[in-house]
Amino acid sequence: MSTRVEIYCDGACSGNPGVGGWGTILRCGTTEKELSGAEGMTTNNRMELTAAIRGLEALTRPCRVVVTTDSQYLVKGMTEWLPGWVRKGWVNSRKEPVLNRDLWERLIELTTRHKVEWVWIRGHNGHAENERCDLLARGAIDAFRRQAEQLMRR
């Protein structure tokens, strides 16, 4: 695991729930790759998790990974809450089923192959990669809407 990869990720939602998008930047040395996508009816939290998932899925071999996000939900989930959720059978502190369990389970699966560090940064605070990921996510929402409008006209 000598390769170090930085993953920056962000999710966005127009309405919550509503049309959602995600954006991810992967950086290994001087090489960068941008990924993005959208879903028709989702939540902001699902898009935050999806952005991290898509970044981790893009890795082709085990790496040392630093995931940087403005989502406290993602960072706290991965660094604080997950052990308790799993121990309690996927029930949260309010004795309710954990939301987005499917995505949390996918994150667990993906992180077993890598050494992952989770870093939270304040969103919309001038962090260049976070701002770019937000643009990617919002662009994916716009593209999704345009495609839906074209399909409706047919």
N, C-alpha and C. Protein backbone atom coordinates (compact mmCIF):
# COMPACT_ATOMS: atom_id res chain seq x y z
N MET A 1 0.83 -1.20 0.00
CA MET A 1 0.00 0.00 0.00
C MET A 1 0.87 1.25 0.00
N SER A 2 1.76 1.33 -0.94
CA SER A 2 2.63 2.50 -0.97
C SER A 2 2.03 3.67 -1.74
N THR A 3 1.06 3.39 -2.59
CA THR A 3 0.45 4.45 -3.38
C THR A 3 -0.49 5.27 -2.49
N ARG A 4 -0.30 6.59 -2.53
CA ARG A 4 -1.16 7.50 -1.76
C ARG A 4 -2.12 8.19 -2.72
N VAL A 5 -3.39 8.12 -2.41
CA VAL A 5 -4.43 8.74 -3.24
C VAL A 5 -5.24 9.68 -2.38
N GLU A 6 -5.51 10.86 -2.91
CA GLU A 6 -6.42 11.80 -2.27
C GLU A 6 -7.75 11.73 -2.99
N ILE A 7 -8.82 11.61 -2.23
CA ILE A 7 -10.17 11.65 -2.79
C ILE A 7 -10.90 12.82 -2.14
N TYR A 8 -11.41 13.69 -2.97
CA TYR A 8 -12.25 14.81 -2.52
C TYR A 8 -13.65 14.49 -3.01
N CYS A 9 -14.65 14.69 -2.16
CA CYS A 9 -15.99 14.31 -2.59
C CYS A 9 -17.03 15.24 -1.98
N ASP A 10 -18.14 15.38 -2.72
CA ASP A 10 -19.24 16.21 -2.26
C ASP A 10 -20.53 15.72 -2.90
N GLY A 11 -21.61 15.92 -2.20
CA GLY A 11 -22.93 15.61 -2.71
C GLY A 11 -23.80 16.85 -2.66
N ALA A 12 -24.83 16.86 -3.48
CA ALA A 12 -25.76 17.99 -3.53
C ALA A 12 -27.15 17.44 -3.83
N CYS A 13 -28.14 18.18 -3.41
CA CYS A 13 -29.51 17.75 -3.67
C CYS A 13 -30.36 19.00 -3.91
N SER A 14 -31.19 18.95 -4.93
CA SER A 14 -32.11 20.03 -5.23
C SER A 14 -33.47 19.59 -4.69
N GLY A 15 -33.76 20.05 -3.49
CA GLY A 15 -34.85 19.49 -2.72
C GLY A 15 -34.24 18.35 -1.92
N ASN A 16 -34.76 18.07 -0.76
CA ASN A 16 -34.17 17.01 0.05
C ASN A 16 -35.29 16.25 0.74
N PRO A 17 -35.88 15.24 0.11
CA PRO A 17 -35.37 14.55 -1.08
C PRO A 17 -35.68 15.30 -2.37
N GLY A 18 -34.94 14.92 -3.39
CA GLY A 18 -35.09 15.51 -4.71
C GLY A 18 -34.02 14.98 -5.63
N VAL A 19 -33.82 15.68 -6.74
CA VAL A 19 -32.76 15.28 -7.67
C VAL A 19 -31.42 15.54 -6.98
N GLY A 20 -30.57 14.53 -6.97
CA GLY A 20 -29.29 14.66 -6.30
C GLY A 20 -28.13 14.40 -7.23
N GLY A 21 -26.98 14.98 -6.88
CA GLY A 21 -25.77 14.77 -7.65
C GLY A 21 -24.58 14.59 -6.72
N TRP A 22 -23.54 14.01 -7.26
CA TRP A 22 -22.31 13.82 -6.50
C TRP A 22 -21.12 14.14 -7.41
N GLY A 23 -20.05 14.58 -6.78
CA GLY A 23 -18.82 14.87 -7.51
C GLY A 23 -17.63 14.39 -6.72
N THR A 24 -16.65 13.85 -7.41
CA THR A 24 -15.46 13.29 -6.78
C THR A 24 -14.23 13.64 -7.60
N ILE A 25 -13.16 13.99 -6.92
CA ILE A 25 -11.85 14.18 -7.56
C ILE A 25 -10.90 13.18 -6.93
N LEU A 26 -10.21 12.41 -7.76
CA LEU A 26 -9.16 11.52 -7.30
C LEU A 26 -7.83 12.11 -7.73
N ARG A 27 -6.87 12.12 -6.82
CA ARG A 27 -5.55 12.66 -7.15
C ARG A 27 -4.48 11.69 -6.64
N CYS A 28 -3.60 11.33 -7.55
CA CYS A 28 -2.45 10.50 -7.21
C CYS A 28 -1.24 11.21 -7.82
N GLY A 29 -0.44 11.84 -6.96
CA GLY A 29 0.67 12.65 -7.46
C GLY A 29 0.12 13.82 -8.26
N THR A 30 0.53 13.90 -9.53
CA THR A 30 0.06 14.99 -10.39
C THR A 30 -1.11 14.57 -11.28
N THR A 31 -1.54 13.33 -11.15
CA THR A 31 -2.63 12.82 -11.98
C THR A 31 -3.95 13.01 -11.26
N GLU A 32 -4.94 13.57 -11.96
CA GLU A 32 -6.27 13.77 -11.40
C GLU A 32 -7.33 13.16 -12.30
N LYS A 33 -8.40 12.71 -11.67
CA LYS A 33 -9.56 12.20 -12.40
C LYS A 33 -10.80 12.74 -11.71
N GLU A 34 -11.75 13.23 -12.49
CA GLU A 34 -13.01 13.74 -11.96
C GLU A 34 -14.14 12.79 -12.33
N LEU A 35 -15.02 12.54 -11.39
CA LEU A 35 -16.18 11.69 -11.60
C LEU A 35 -17.41 12.42 -11.08
N SER A 36 -18.56 12.15 -11.69
CA SER A 36 -19.80 12.74 -11.19
C SER A 36 -20.98 11.92 -11.69
N GLY A 37 -22.12 12.13 -11.04
CA GLY A 37 -23.33 11.44 -11.44
C GLY A 37 -24.51 12.02 -10.69
N ALA A 38 -25.69 11.52 -11.04
CA ALA A 38 -26.92 12.05 -10.44
C ALA A 38 -27.96 10.94 -10.32
N GLU A 39 -28.93 11.18 -9.45
CA GLU A 39 -30.07 10.28 -9.26
C GLU A 39 -31.33 11.12 -9.18
N GLY A 40 -32.44 10.53 -9.58
CA GLY A 40 -33.69 11.26 -9.67
C GLY A 40 -34.36 11.62 -8.37
N MET A 41 -34.40 10.71 -7.43
CA MET A 41 -35.07 10.98 -6.16
C MET A 41 -34.20 10.41 -5.05
N THR A 42 -33.55 11.31 -4.33
CA THR A 42 -32.58 10.89 -3.34
C THR A 42 -32.46 11.96 -2.26
N THR A 43 -31.48 11.80 -1.39
CA THR A 43 -31.23 12.79 -0.35
C THR A 43 -29.79 13.28 -0.42
N ASN A 44 -29.53 14.39 0.20
CA ASN A 44 -28.17 14.93 0.23
C ASN A 44 -27.21 13.93 0.90
N ASN A 45 -27.62 13.33 2.00
CA ASN A 45 -26.74 12.38 2.67
C ASN A 45 -26.40 11.19 1.79
N ARG A 46 -27.36 10.68 1.03
CA ARG A 46 -27.07 9.58 0.11
C ARG A 46 -26.06 10.00 -0.94
N MET A 47 -26.15 11.23 -1.41
CA MET A 47 -25.21 11.70 -2.41
C MET A 47 -23.81 11.90 -1.82
N GLU A 48 -23.73 12.34 -0.58
CA GLU A 48 -22.43 12.47 0.09
C GLU A 48 -21.75 11.09 0.18
N LEU A 49 -22.50 10.09 0.60
CA LEU A 49 -21.96 8.73 0.70
C LEU A 49 -21.61 8.18 -0.67
N THR A 50 -22.46 8.42 -1.65
CA THR A 50 -22.22 7.92 -3.00
C THR A 50 -20.94 8.51 -3.59
N ALA A 51 -20.69 9.79 -3.34
CA ALA A 51 -19.47 10.42 -3.84
C ALA A 51 -18.23 9.69 -3.32
N ALA A 52 -18.21 9.37 -2.03
CA ALA A 52 -17.08 8.64 -1.46
C ALA A 52 -16.99 7.22 -2.04
N ILE A 53 -18.13 6.56 -2.17
CA ILE A 53 -18.16 5.21 -2.73
C ILE A 53 -17.59 5.20 -4.13
N ARG A 54 -18.04 6.12 -4.98
CA ARG A 54 -17.57 6.14 -6.37
C ARG A 54 -16.07 6.41 -6.46
N GLY A 55 -15.57 7.25 -5.56
CA GLY A 55 -14.13 7.49 -5.53
C GLY A 55 -13.36 6.24 -5.16
N LEU A 56 -13.81 5.57 -4.11
CA LEU A 56 -13.14 4.34 -3.67
C LEU A 56 -13.27 3.22 -4.70
N GLU A 57 -14.42 3.14 -5.36
CA GLU A 57 -14.62 2.11 -6.40
C GLU A 57 -13.67 2.31 -7.58
N ALA A 58 -13.25 3.53 -7.83
CA ALA A 58 -12.37 3.82 -8.96
C ALA A 58 -10.93 3.35 -8.74
N LEU A 59 -10.58 3.02 -7.51
CA LEU A 59 -9.22 2.57 -7.22
C LEU A 59 -9.05 1.12 -7.67
N THR A 60 -7.96 0.87 -8.38
CA THR A 60 -7.75 -0.46 -8.96
C THR A 60 -6.86 -1.36 -8.11
N ARG A 61 -6.22 -0.82 -7.09
CA ARG A 61 -5.39 -1.63 -6.20
C ARG A 61 -5.40 -1.00 -4.81
N PRO A 62 -5.02 -1.77 -3.78
CA PRO A 62 -5.01 -1.21 -2.43
C PRO A 62 -4.10 0.02 -2.34
N CYS A 63 -4.60 1.04 -1.64
CA CYS A 63 -3.88 2.31 -1.52
C CYS A 63 -4.02 2.87 -0.12
N ARG A 64 -3.15 3.82 0.18
CA ARG A 64 -3.35 4.69 1.33
C ARG A 64 -4.20 5.83 0.81
N VAL A 65 -5.35 6.06 1.40
CA VAL A 65 -6.32 7.01 0.87
C VAL A 65 -6.67 8.05 1.93
N VAL A 66 -6.70 9.30 1.51
CA VAL A 66 -7.22 10.37 2.35
C VAL A 66 -8.49 10.87 1.67
N VAL A 67 -9.63 10.67 2.31
CA VAL A 67 -10.92 11.14 1.79
C VAL A 67 -11.25 12.45 2.50
N THR A 68 -11.40 13.52 1.72
CA THR A 68 -11.72 14.83 2.25
C THR A 68 -13.12 15.21 1.81
N THR A 69 -13.95 15.61 2.77
CA THR A 69 -15.35 15.91 2.50
C THR A 69 -15.85 16.99 3.45
N ASP A 70 -16.92 17.66 3.05
CA ASP A 70 -17.56 18.63 3.94
C ASP A 70 -18.74 17.99 4.69
N SER A 71 -18.87 16.68 4.58
CA SER A 71 -19.99 15.98 5.21
C SER A 71 -19.58 15.40 6.57
N GLN A 72 -20.07 16.02 7.64
CA GLN A 72 -19.84 15.45 8.96
C GLN A 72 -20.55 14.11 9.09
N TYR A 73 -21.68 13.96 8.42
CA TYR A 73 -22.42 12.70 8.42
C TYR A 73 -21.52 11.56 7.94
N LEU A 74 -20.81 11.77 6.85
CA LEU A 74 -19.91 10.77 6.30
C LEU A 74 -18.73 10.51 7.24
N VAL A 75 -18.06 11.57 7.67
CA VAL A 75 -16.86 11.40 8.50
C VAL A 75 -17.21 10.80 9.86
N LYS A 76 -18.22 11.33 10.52
CA LYS A 76 -18.59 10.78 11.84
C LYS A 76 -19.12 9.36 11.71
N GLY A 77 -19.87 9.11 10.64
CA GLY A 77 -20.35 7.75 10.41
C GLY A 77 -19.20 6.76 10.31
N MET A 78 -18.20 7.10 9.52
CA MET A 78 -17.08 6.18 9.29
C MET A 78 -16.11 6.11 10.47
N THR A 79 -16.00 7.17 11.25
CA THR A 79 -14.99 7.20 12.31
C THR A 79 -15.56 7.01 13.72
N GLU A 80 -16.86 7.26 13.91
CA GLU A 80 -17.43 7.19 15.26
C GLU A 80 -18.63 6.26 15.37
N TRP A 81 -19.58 6.38 14.46
CA TRP A 81 -20.87 5.73 14.65
C TRP A 81 -20.93 4.28 14.19
N LEU A 82 -20.19 3.92 13.13
CA LEU A 82 -20.32 2.59 12.54
C LEU A 82 -20.15 1.43 13.52
N PRO A 83 -19.14 1.43 14.38
CA PRO A 83 -19.00 0.27 15.28
C PRO A 83 -20.25 0.04 16.14
N GLY A 84 -20.84 1.11 16.65
CA GLY A 84 -22.05 0.98 17.46
C GLY A 84 -23.23 0.49 16.64
N TRP A 85 -23.37 1.01 15.43
CA TRP A 85 -24.47 0.57 14.57
C TRP A 85 -24.38 -0.93 14.30
N VAL A 86 -23.19 -1.38 13.94
CA VAL A 86 -23.01 -2.79 13.62
C VAL A 86 -23.25 -3.64 14.87
N ARG A 87 -22.68 -3.24 16.01
CA ARG A 87 -22.83 -3.98 17.26
C ARG A 87 -24.31 -4.08 17.67
N LYS A 88 -25.08 -3.02 17.42
CA LYS A 88 -26.49 -3.00 17.82
C LYS A 88 -27.43 -3.50 16.71
N GLY A 89 -26.87 -4.11 15.66
CA GLY A 89 -27.72 -4.65 14.60
C GLY A 89 -28.31 -3.58 13.70
N TRP A 90 -27.51 -2.54 13.42
CA TRP A 90 -27.90 -1.46 12.52
C TRP A 90 -29.08 -0.65 13.06
N VAL A 91 -29.03 -0.38 14.36
CA VAL A 91 -30.00 0.49 15.03
C VAL A 91 -29.22 1.66 15.59
N ASN A 92 -29.75 2.88 15.43
CA ASN A 92 -29.04 4.07 15.91
C ASN A 92 -29.35 4.35 17.39
N SER A 93 -28.83 5.45 17.88
CA SER A 93 -28.99 5.80 19.31
C SER A 93 -30.44 6.08 19.68
N ARG A 94 -31.29 6.37 18.70
CA ARG A 94 -32.71 6.59 18.96
C ARG A 94 -33.53 5.30 18.81
N LYS A 95 -32.79 4.19 18.69
CA LYS A 95 -33.42 2.86 18.55
C LYS A 95 -34.20 2.72 17.23
N GLU A 96 -33.76 3.46 16.21
CA GLU A 96 -34.37 3.41 14.88
C GLU A 96 -33.39 2.78 13.91
N PRO A 97 -33.90 2.17 12.83
CA PRO A 97 -32.99 1.61 11.82
C PRO A 97 -32.08 2.71 11.24
N VAL A 98 -30.82 2.37 11.05
CA VAL A 98 -29.86 3.31 10.48
C VAL A 98 -30.24 3.59 9.03
N LEU A 99 -30.34 4.88 8.70
CA LEU A 99 -30.64 5.26 7.32
C LEU A 99 -29.43 4.99 6.43
N ASN A 100 -29.68 4.66 5.20
CA ASN A 100 -28.65 4.47 4.17
C ASN A 100 -27.74 3.28 4.48
N ARG A 101 -28.29 2.30 5.16
CA ARG A 101 -27.49 1.13 5.52
C ARG A 101 -26.81 0.51 4.32
N ASP A 102 -27.49 0.44 3.18
CA ASP A 102 -26.89 -0.15 1.99
C ASP A 102 -25.59 0.55 1.59
N LEU A 103 -25.58 1.87 1.71
CA LEU A 103 -24.38 2.62 1.34
C LEU A 103 -23.29 2.49 2.40
N TRP A 104 -23.67 2.49 3.67
CA TRP A 104 -22.68 2.29 4.74
C TRP A 104 -22.02 0.92 4.58
N GLU A 105 -22.81 -0.10 4.27
CA GLU A 105 -22.25 -1.44 4.09
C GLU A 105 -21.30 -1.48 2.90
N ARG A 106 -21.63 -0.75 1.85
CA ARG A 106 -20.73 -0.70 0.68
C ARG A 106 -19.42 0.01 1.06
N LEU A 107 -19.52 1.07 1.85
CA LEU A 107 -18.31 1.77 2.30
C LEU A 107 -17.44 0.86 3.16
N ILE A 108 -18.05 0.10 4.05
CA ILE A 108 -17.28 -0.85 4.86
C ILE A 108 -16.53 -1.82 3.95
N GLU A 109 -17.24 -2.37 2.98
CA GLU A 109 -16.64 -3.32 2.04
C GLU A 109 -15.45 -2.69 1.30
N LEU A 110 -15.63 -1.48 0.81
CA LEU A 110 -14.57 -0.82 0.04
C LEU A 110 -13.37 -0.45 0.89
N THR A 111 -13.61 -0.06 2.13
CA THR A 111 -12.49 0.39 2.97
C THR A 111 -11.65 -0.76 3.51
N THR A 112 -12.13 -1.99 3.40
CA THR A 112 -11.31 -3.11 3.86
C THR A 112 -10.09 -3.32 2.97
N ARG A 113 -10.12 -2.84 1.73
CA ARG A 113 -9.00 -3.01 0.80
C ARG A 113 -7.95 -1.91 0.92
N HIS A 114 -8.28 -0.84 1.62
CA HIS A 114 -7.40 0.34 1.66
C HIS A 114 -7.16 0.77 3.10
N LYS A 115 -6.14 1.58 3.29
CA LYS A 115 -5.93 2.26 4.57
C LYS A 115 -6.49 3.66 4.36
N VAL A 116 -7.64 3.95 4.99
CA VAL A 116 -8.37 5.18 4.71
C VAL A 116 -8.36 6.11 5.90
N GLU A 117 -8.06 7.37 5.62
CA GLU A 117 -8.17 8.45 6.61
C GLU A 117 -9.31 9.35 6.15
N TRP A 118 -10.18 9.73 7.07
CA TRP A 118 -11.35 10.56 6.78
C TRP A 118 -11.10 11.96 7.33
N VAL A 119 -11.21 12.97 6.47
CA VAL A 119 -10.93 14.36 6.86
C VAL A 119 -12.15 15.22 6.56
N TRP A 120 -12.61 15.94 7.58
CA TRP A 120 -13.73 16.88 7.39
C TRP A 120 -13.18 18.29 7.20
N ILE A 121 -13.74 19.00 6.22
CA ILE A 121 -13.44 20.42 6.01
C ILE A 121 -14.76 21.17 5.94
N ARG A 122 -14.73 22.44 6.29
CA ARG A 122 -15.94 23.27 6.21
C ARG A 122 -16.28 23.49 4.75
N GLY A 123 -17.54 23.25 4.39
CA GLY A 123 -17.99 23.42 3.01
C GLY A 123 -18.18 24.88 2.64
N HIS A 124 -18.08 25.15 1.36
CA HIS A 124 -18.30 26.50 0.81
C HIS A 124 -17.45 27.53 1.55
N ASN A 125 -16.19 27.15 1.76
CA ASN A 125 -15.29 28.00 2.52
C ASN A 125 -14.00 28.25 1.76
N GLY A 126 -14.07 28.14 0.42
CA GLY A 126 -12.91 28.44 -0.40
C GLY A 126 -11.94 27.30 -0.61
N HIS A 127 -12.26 26.10 -0.14
CA HIS A 127 -11.41 24.93 -0.37
C HIS A 127 -11.56 24.55 -1.84
N ALA A 128 -10.49 24.66 -2.62
CA ALA A 128 -10.57 24.54 -4.08
C ALA A 128 -11.19 23.22 -4.54
N GLU A 129 -10.73 22.12 -3.99
CA GLU A 129 -11.25 20.82 -4.43
C GLU A 129 -12.69 20.62 -4.00
N ASN A 130 -13.05 21.09 -2.80
CA ASN A 130 -14.43 20.98 -2.35
C ASN A 130 -15.36 21.80 -3.23
N GLU A 131 -14.92 22.99 -3.60
CA GLU A 131 -15.73 23.84 -4.49
C GLU A 131 -15.89 23.17 -5.85
N ARG A 132 -14.81 22.53 -6.35
CA ARG A 132 -14.88 21.84 -7.64
C ARG A 132 -15.83 20.64 -7.56
N CYS A 133 -15.76 19.89 -6.48
CA CYS A 133 -16.68 18.75 -6.32
C CYS A 133 -18.13 19.21 -6.26
N ASP A 134 -18.37 20.34 -5.60
CA ASP A 134 -19.72 20.90 -5.54
C ASP A 134 -20.20 21.26 -6.95
N LEU A 135 -19.32 21.86 -7.75
CA LEU A 135 -19.67 22.19 -9.14
C LEU A 135 -19.96 20.92 -9.95
N LEU A 136 -19.16 19.88 -9.74
CA LEU A 136 -19.40 18.62 -10.44
C LEU A 136 -20.76 18.04 -10.06
N ALA A 137 -21.08 18.06 -8.78
CA ALA A 137 -22.36 17.52 -8.30
C ALA A 137 -23.53 18.32 -8.86
N ARG A 138 -23.43 19.63 -8.81
CA ARG A 138 -24.52 20.48 -9.32
C ARG A 138 -24.63 20.37 -10.85
N GLY A 139 -23.50 20.23 -11.51
CA GLY A 139 -23.53 20.01 -12.96
C GLY A 139 -24.21 18.71 -13.32
N ALA A 140 -23.99 17.67 -12.51
CA ALA A 140 -24.64 16.39 -12.75
C ALA A 140 -26.15 16.50 -12.56
N ILE A 141 -26.58 17.29 -11.58
CA ILE A 141 -28.01 17.53 -11.37
C ILE A 141 -28.59 18.22 -12.60
N ASP A 142 -27.91 19.25 -13.08
CA ASP A 142 -28.39 19.98 -14.26
C ASP A 142 -28.48 19.06 -15.48
N ALA A 143 -27.45 18.23 -15.68
CA ALA A 143 -27.44 17.31 -16.83
C ALA A 143 -28.58 16.30 -16.70
N PHE A 144 -28.83 15.81 -15.50
CA PHE A 144 -29.90 14.86 -15.26
C PHE A 144 -31.24 15.49 -15.62
N ARG A 145 -31.45 16.72 -15.18
CA ARG A 145 -32.70 17.42 -15.47
C ARG A 145 -32.88 17.65 -16.97
N ARG A 146 -31.80 18.07 -17.64
CA ARG A 146 -31.89 18.29 -19.09
C ARG A 146 -32.26 17.00 -19.81
N GLN A 147 -31.64 15.91 -19.41
CA GLN A 147 -31.92 14.61 -20.03
C GLN A 147 -33.38 14.21 -19.78
N ALA A 148 -33.87 14.43 -18.57
CA ALA A 148 -35.25 14.11 -18.24
C ALA A 148 -36.21 14.94 -19.07
N GLU A 149 -35.89 16.23 -19.24
CA GLU A 149 -36.74 17.12 -20.05
C GLU A 149 -36.78 16.66 -21.50
N GLN A 150 -35.64 16.24 -22.04
CA GLN A 150 -35.59 15.75 -23.42
C GLN A 150 -36.44 14.48 -23.58
N LEU A 151 -36.38 13.60 -22.60
CA LEU A 151 -37.18 12.38 -22.66
C LEU A 151 -38.66 12.69 -22.59
N MET A 152 -39.03 13.70 -21.82
CA MET A 152 -40.44 14.08 -21.68
C MET A 152 -40.98 14.66 -22.99
N ARG A 153 -40.12 15.31 -23.76
CA ARG A 153 -40.56 15.92 -25.03
C ARG A 153 -40.79 14.90 -26.12
N ARG A 154 -40.25 13.72 -25.97
CA ARG A 154 -40.36 12.70 -27.03
C ARG A 154 -41.71 12.06 -27.06
